[in-house]
């Protein structure tokens, strides 16, 4: 669970020296607002910087499935020898994160 505030919070990490990239399937649940999303995210790094791309979201949107509801802004960085997948909640509700990760070695 990541809390609803304005700071980036760590969702997951992987070793810079062991893995080059990771693919995530991320489920985000905002039960307070009755919003649920699944999204794909790819993360890679060059040893100095980390990069993230998101796509393929499915969500119940505004309650009718007509729009994408982005409750979390995803980013990535490198800290202490690890790539970190970060999430910043863009509302005041807690978000429950469940994910599947597949990593690719350097």
C-alpha atoms as a PDB file:
ATOM      1  CA  UNK A   1       0.000   0.000   0.000  1.00  0.00           C
ATOM      2  CA  UNK A   2       1.267   3.459  -0.830  1.00  0.00           C
ATOM      3  CA  UNK A   3      -0.266   6.433   0.879  1.00  0.00           C
ATOM      4  CA  UNK A   4      -2.068   9.337  -0.682  1.00  0.00           C
ATOM      5  CA  UNK A   5       0.391  12.194  -0.521  1.00  0.00           C
ATOM      6  CA  UNK A   6       2.654  14.093  -2.886  1.00  0.00           C
ATOM      7  CA  UNK A   7       5.960  12.261  -2.369  1.00  0.00           C
ATOM      8  CA  UNK A   8       7.310   9.442  -4.536  1.00  0.00           C
ATOM      9  CA  UNK A   9       7.254   6.087  -2.745  1.00  0.00           C
ATOM     10  CA  UNK A  10       9.124   2.891  -3.608  1.00  0.00           C
ATOM     11  CA  UNK A  11       6.952   0.201  -5.198  1.00  0.00           C
ATOM     12  CA  UNK A  12       9.738  -2.254  -6.119  1.00  0.00           C
ATOM     13  CA  UNK A  13      13.519  -2.507  -6.637  1.00  0.00           C
ATOM     14  CA  UNK A  14      16.019  -4.602  -8.569  1.00  0.00           C
ATOM     15  CA  UNK A  15      19.825  -4.728  -8.682  1.00  0.00           C
ATOM     16  CA  UNK A  16      21.577  -2.502 -11.250  1.00  0.00           C
ATOM     17  CA  UNK A  17      24.511  -4.915 -11.537  1.00  0.00           C
ATOM     18  CA  UNK A  18      22.377  -8.043 -12.012  1.00  0.00           C
ATOM     19  CA  UNK A  19      19.435  -6.876 -14.144  1.00  0.00           C
ATOM     20  CA  UNK A  20      19.124  -4.491 -17.087  1.00  0.00           C
ATOM     21  CA  UNK A  21      15.338  -4.352 -17.356  1.00  0.00           C
ATOM     22  CA  UNK A  22      12.069  -5.409 -15.785  1.00  0.00           C
ATOM     23  CA  UNK A  23       8.542  -5.786 -17.066  1.00  0.00           C
ATOM     24  CA  UNK A  24       5.725  -5.195 -14.613  1.00  0.00           C
ATOM     25  CA  UNK A  25       2.026  -6.013 -14.622  1.00  0.00           C
ATOM     26  CA  UNK A  26       0.646  -3.690 -11.959  1.00  0.00           C
ATOM     27  CA  UNK A  27      -2.798  -3.766 -10.369  1.00  0.00           C
ATOM     28  CA  UNK A  28      -3.796  -0.571  -8.552  1.00  0.00           C
ATOM     29  CA  UNK A  29      -6.800  -0.583  -6.219  1.00  0.00           C
ATOM     30  CA  UNK A  30      -8.307   2.625  -4.836  1.00  0.00           C
ATOM     31  CA  UNK A  31     -11.207   1.173  -2.862  1.00  0.00           C
ATOM     32  CA  UNK A  32     -12.104   4.577  -1.406  1.00  0.00           C
ATOM     33  CA  UNK A  33     -12.906   5.982  -4.860  1.00  0.00           C
ATOM     34  CA  UNK A  34     -14.053   2.600  -6.276  1.00  0.00           C
ATOM     35  CA  UNK A  35     -11.308   2.764  -8.946  1.00  0.00           C
ATOM     36  CA  UNK A  36      -9.325  -0.223 -10.166  1.00  0.00           C
ATOM     37  CA  UNK A  37      -6.599  -0.339 -12.815  1.00  0.00           C
ATOM     38  CA  UNK A  38      -4.207  -2.822 -14.369  1.00  0.00           C
ATOM     39  CA  UNK A  39      -1.289  -1.418 -16.338  1.00  0.00           C
ATOM     40  CA  UNK A  40       1.917  -2.624 -17.999  1.00  0.00           C
ATOM     41  CA  UNK A  41       5.195  -0.882 -17.176  1.00  0.00           C
ATOM     42  CA  UNK A  42       8.669  -1.435 -18.618  1.00  0.00           C
ATOM     43  CA  UNK A  43      11.740  -0.227 -16.714  1.00  0.00           C
ATOM     44  CA  UNK A  44      15.339  -0.204 -17.968  1.00  0.00           C
ATOM     45  CA  UNK A  45      18.571   1.566 -17.034  1.00  0.00           C
ATOM     46  CA  UNK A  46      21.982   2.529 -18.387  1.00  0.00           C
ATOM     47  CA  UNK A  47      23.824   2.262 -15.064  1.00  0.00           C
ATOM     48  CA  UNK A  48      23.331   5.952 -14.300  1.00  0.00           C
ATOM     49  CA  UNK A  49      19.678   6.683 -15.020  1.00  0.00           C
ATOM     50  CA  UNK A  50      16.492   4.601 -15.036  1.00  0.00           C
ATOM     51  CA  UNK A  51      13.640   4.938 -17.503  1.00  0.00           C
ATOM     52  CA  UNK A  52      10.006   3.831 -17.332  1.00  0.00           C
ATOM     53  CA  UNK A  53       7.271   3.482 -19.938  1.00  0.00           C
ATOM     54  CA  UNK A  54       3.637   2.630 -19.168  1.00  0.00           C
ATOM     55  CA  UNK A  55       0.957   1.401 -21.535  1.00  0.00           C
ATOM     56  CA  UNK A  56      -2.006  -0.897 -21.956  1.00  0.00           C
ATOM     57  CA  UNK A  57      -4.087   0.295 -19.007  1.00  0.00           C
ATOM     58  CA  UNK A  58      -7.528  -1.085 -18.343  1.00  0.00           C
ATOM     59  CA  UNK A  59      -9.654   0.584 -15.693  1.00  0.00           C
ATOM     60  CA  UNK A  60     -13.148   1.311 -14.545  1.00  0.00           C
ATOM     61  CA  UNK A  61     -12.377   5.027 -15.139  1.00  0.00           C
ATOM     62  CA  UNK A  62     -15.015   7.393 -13.895  1.00  0.00           C
ATOM     63  CA  UNK A  63     -17.077   4.444 -12.784  1.00  0.00           C
ATOM     64  CA  UNK A  64     -18.233   3.500 -16.276  1.00  0.00           C
ATOM     65  CA  UNK A  65     -14.942   2.403 -17.891  1.00  0.00           C
ATOM     66  CA  UNK A  66     -14.988   5.309 -20.360  1.00  0.00           C
ATOM     67  CA  UNK A  67     -11.720   6.961 -19.281  1.00  0.00           C
ATOM     68  CA  UNK A  68      -8.382   5.963 -17.809  1.00  0.00           C
ATOM     69  CA  UNK A  69      -8.107   6.818 -14.133  1.00  0.00           C
ATOM     70  CA  UNK A  70      -4.452   7.439 -13.303  1.00  0.00           C
ATOM     71  CA  UNK A  71      -4.271   7.356  -9.521  1.00  0.00           C
ATOM     72  CA  UNK A  72      -0.486   6.899  -9.509  1.00  0.00           C
ATOM     73  CA  UNK A  73       2.246   8.600 -11.520  1.00  0.00           C
ATOM     74  CA  UNK A  74       5.062   6.082 -12.069  1.00  0.00           C
ATOM     75  CA  UNK A  75       8.747   7.007 -12.299  1.00  0.00           C
ATOM     76  CA  UNK A  76      12.092   5.241 -11.852  1.00  0.00           C
ATOM     77  CA  UNK A  77      15.534   6.098 -10.514  1.00  0.00           C
ATOM     78  CA  UNK A  78      18.758   4.481  -9.316  1.00  0.00           C
ATOM     79  CA  UNK A  79      19.598   4.616  -5.624  1.00  0.00           C
ATOM     80  CA  UNK A  80      22.133   2.575  -3.629  1.00  0.00           C
ATOM     81  CA  UNK A  81      22.886   0.195  -6.490  1.00  0.00           C
ATOM     82  CA  UNK A  82      19.234  -0.552  -7.157  1.00  0.00           C
ATOM     83  CA  UNK A  83      16.740   0.552  -9.758  1.00  0.00           C
ATOM     84  CA  UNK A  84      13.623   1.734  -7.974  1.00  0.00           C
ATOM     85  CA  UNK A  85      10.129   1.784  -9.435  1.00  0.00           C
ATOM     86  CA  UNK A  86       8.426   4.745  -7.754  1.00  0.00           C
ATOM     87  CA  UNK A  87       4.818   5.784  -7.450  1.00  0.00           C
ATOM     88  CA  UNK A  88       3.378   9.164  -6.558  1.00  0.00           C
ATOM     89  CA  UNK A  89      -0.308   9.104  -5.627  1.00  0.00           C
ATOM     90  CA  UNK A  90      -2.146  12.008  -7.256  1.00  0.00           C
ATOM     91  CA  UNK A  91      -5.028  12.079  -4.770  1.00  0.00           C
ATOM     92  CA  UNK A  92      -5.464  11.656  -1.012  1.00  0.00           C
ATOM     93  CA  UNK A  93      -6.508   7.978  -1.054  1.00  0.00           C
ATOM     94  CA  UNK A  94      -4.279   5.029  -0.216  1.00  0.00           C
ATOM     95  CA  UNK A  95      -3.521   2.782  -3.201  1.00  0.00           C
ATOM     96  CA  UNK A  96      -3.030  -0.974  -2.874  1.00  0.00           C
ATOM     97  CA  UNK A  97      -0.428  -2.225  -5.360  1.00  0.00           C
ATOM     98  CA  UNK A  98      -0.069  -5.835  -6.475  1.00  0.00           C
ATOM     99  CA  UNK A  99       2.361  -6.745  -9.221  1.00  0.00           C
ATOM    100  CA  UNK A 100       4.042  -9.417 -11.249  1.00  0.00           C
ATOM    101  CA  UNK A 101       7.658  -8.714 -12.248  1.00  0.00           C
ATOM    102  CA  UNK A 102       9.825 -10.356 -14.893  1.00  0.00           C
ATOM    103  CA  UNK A 103      13.482  -9.316 -14.921  1.00  0.00           C
ATOM    104  CA  UNK A 104      16.105  -9.583 -17.663  1.00  0.00           C
ATOM    105  CA  UNK A 105      19.779  -9.982 -16.742  1.00  0.00           C
ATOM    106  CA  UNK A 106      22.477  -7.494 -17.775  1.00  0.00           C
END
